[in-house]
Amino acid sequence: MTLAAHQLGLGAIWKSAPFHEGVAIQKVLDLSPDDVFLGWVNLGQRGPERGTGLRPRPDIGEVARRLAVDGTPAPYGS
């Protein structure tokens, strides 16, 4: 659905939430016991186009860590 909305020139995003089960959500959405609520799609106007240039690549060593066998974090690449 989001791809179709984008093709039509709309902005669209799939949303979900941790509270997707329960009596309240079943009542609000008129769900039967066999229905499963997975999320919703927000539709709207798209904002101004952003540049399509490449973003600078982060230094992976500054943002990533590896875990040793015993679970101790260590710098990436060491």
C-alpha atoms as a PDB file:
ATOM      1  CA  MET A   1       0.000   0.000   0.000  1.00  0.00           C
ATOM      2  CA  THR A   2       2.796   2.417   0.784  1.00  0.00           C
ATOM      3  CA  LEU A   3       4.427   1.797  -2.597  1.00  0.00           C
ATOM      4  CA  ALA A   4       1.110   2.439  -4.363  1.00  0.00           C
ATOM      5  CA  ALA A   5       0.595   5.647  -2.368  1.00  0.00           C
ATOM      6  CA  HIS A   6       4.102   6.869  -3.247  1.00  0.00           C
ATOM      7  CA  GLN A   7       3.429   6.102  -6.909  1.00  0.00           C
ATOM      8  CA  LEU A   8       0.320   8.292  -6.686  1.00  0.00           C
ATOM      9  CA  GLY A   9       2.400  11.152  -5.260  1.00  0.00           C
ATOM     10  CA  LEU A  10       1.291  10.717  -1.650  1.00  0.00           C
ATOM     11  CA  GLY A  11       3.485  10.398   1.381  1.00  0.00           C
ATOM     12  CA  ALA A  12       2.931   7.114   3.214  1.00  0.00           C
ATOM     13  CA  ILE A  13       4.450   5.292   6.156  1.00  0.00           C
ATOM     14  CA  TRP A  14       3.625   1.963   7.812  1.00  0.00           C
ATOM     15  CA  LYS A  15       3.179   2.257  11.581  1.00  0.00           C
ATOM     16  CA  SER A  16       2.825  -0.371  14.263  1.00  0.00           C
ATOM     17  CA  ALA A  17       2.727  -0.238  18.021  1.00  0.00           C
ATOM     18  CA  PRO A  18       3.353  -2.493  20.998  1.00  0.00           C
ATOM     19  CA  PHE A  19      -0.320  -2.234  22.022  1.00  0.00           C
ATOM     20  CA  HIS A  20      -1.703  -4.145  19.045  1.00  0.00           C
ATOM     21  CA  GLU A  21      -3.645  -6.682  21.112  1.00  0.00           C
ATOM     22  CA  GLY A  22      -6.406  -6.336  23.648  1.00  0.00           C
ATOM     23  CA  VAL A  23     -10.093  -5.720  24.136  1.00  0.00           C
ATOM     24  CA  ALA A  24      -9.856  -1.931  23.620  1.00  0.00           C
ATOM     25  CA  ILE A  25      -8.201  -2.151  20.201  1.00  0.00           C
ATOM     26  CA  GLN A  26     -10.643  -4.900  19.166  1.00  0.00           C
ATOM     27  CA  LYS A  27     -13.576  -2.644  20.071  1.00  0.00           C
ATOM     28  CA  VAL A  28     -12.162   0.503  18.447  1.00  0.00           C
ATOM     29  CA  LEU A  29     -11.421  -1.298  15.174  1.00  0.00           C
ATOM     30  CA  ASP A  30     -14.435  -3.633  15.368  1.00  0.00           C
ATOM     31  CA  LEU A  31     -12.199  -6.705  15.092  1.00  0.00           C
ATOM     32  CA  SER A  32     -13.527 -10.228  15.378  1.00  0.00           C
ATOM     33  CA  PRO A  33     -11.643 -12.718  17.584  1.00  0.00           C
ATOM     34  CA  ASP A  34     -10.090 -14.135  14.395  1.00  0.00           C
ATOM     35  CA  ASP A  35      -8.773 -10.739  13.172  1.00  0.00           C
ATOM     36  CA  VAL A  36      -5.202  -9.675  13.871  1.00  0.00           C
ATOM     37  CA  PHE A  37      -4.222  -6.000  14.000  1.00  0.00           C
ATOM     38  CA  LEU A  38      -0.720  -5.530  12.595  1.00  0.00           C
ATOM     39  CA  GLY A  39      -0.538  -1.765  12.175  1.00  0.00           C
ATOM     40  CA  TRP A  40      -1.777   1.069  10.022  1.00  0.00           C
ATOM     41  CA  VAL A  41      -0.666   3.252   7.122  1.00  0.00           C
ATOM     42  CA  ASN A  42      -0.496   7.033   7.504  1.00  0.00           C
ATOM     43  CA  LEU A  43      -1.171   8.900   4.248  1.00  0.00           C
ATOM     44  CA  GLY A  44      -0.637  12.558   3.484  1.00  0.00           C
ATOM     45  CA  GLN A  45       1.063  15.143   1.357  1.00  0.00           C
ATOM     46  CA  ARG A  46       4.745  14.702   0.793  1.00  0.00           C
ATOM     47  CA  GLY A  47       7.065  17.363   2.105  1.00  0.00           C
ATOM     48  CA  PRO A  48       9.626  19.217   0.037  1.00  0.00           C
ATOM     49  CA  GLU A  49      12.034  16.932  -1.772  1.00  0.00           C
ATOM     50  CA  ARG A  50      15.314  16.425  -0.003  1.00  0.00           C
ATOM     51  CA  GLY A  51      18.599  16.198  -1.800  1.00  0.00           C
ATOM     52  CA  THR A  52      19.559  12.793  -3.096  1.00  0.00           C
ATOM     53  CA  GLY A  53      23.270  13.237  -2.497  1.00  0.00           C
ATOM     54  CA  LEU A  54      25.235  10.695  -0.557  1.00  0.00           C
ATOM     55  CA  ARG A  55      25.530  11.176   3.175  1.00  0.00           C
ATOM     56  CA  PRO A  56      28.979  11.011   4.723  1.00  0.00           C
ATOM     57  CA  ARG A  57      29.838   7.513   5.927  1.00  0.00           C
ATOM     58  CA  PRO A  58      30.492   7.253   9.678  1.00  0.00           C
ATOM     59  CA  ASP A  59      33.656   5.716  11.009  1.00  0.00           C
ATOM     60  CA  ILE A  60      32.364   2.237  11.892  1.00  0.00           C
ATOM     61  CA  GLY A  61      34.907   1.969  14.702  1.00  0.00           C
ATOM     62  CA  GLU A  62      33.277   4.928  16.454  1.00  0.00           C
ATOM     63  CA  VAL A  63      29.721   3.571  16.351  1.00  0.00           C
ATOM     64  CA  ALA A  64      30.029  -0.236  16.469  1.00  0.00           C
ATOM     65  CA  ARG A  65      31.286  -2.701  19.053  1.00  0.00           C
ATOM     66  CA  ARG A  66      31.810  -6.448  18.983  1.00  0.00           C
ATOM     67  CA  LEU A  67      31.123  -8.874  21.797  1.00  0.00           C
ATOM     68  CA  ALA A  68      33.810 -11.244  22.989  1.00  0.00           C
ATOM     69  CA  VAL A  69      32.834 -14.844  23.689  1.00  0.00           C
ATOM     70  CA  ASP A  70      32.306 -13.962  27.350  1.00  0.00           C
ATOM     71  CA  GLY A  71      29.976 -11.055  26.396  1.00  0.00           C
ATOM     72  CA  THR A  72      32.472  -8.267  27.047  1.00  0.00           C
ATOM     73  CA  PRO A  73      32.153  -5.412  24.535  1.00  0.00           C
ATOM     74  CA  ALA A  74      35.285  -4.514  22.587  1.00  0.00           C
ATOM     75  CA  PRO A  75      36.015  -1.953  19.865  1.00  0.00           C
ATOM     76  CA  TYR A  76      35.057  -3.075  16.381  1.00  0.00           C
ATOM     77  CA  GLY A  77      37.999  -4.470  14.421  1.00  0.00           C
ATOM     78  CA  SER A  78      40.145  -5.399  17.417  1.00  0.00           C
END
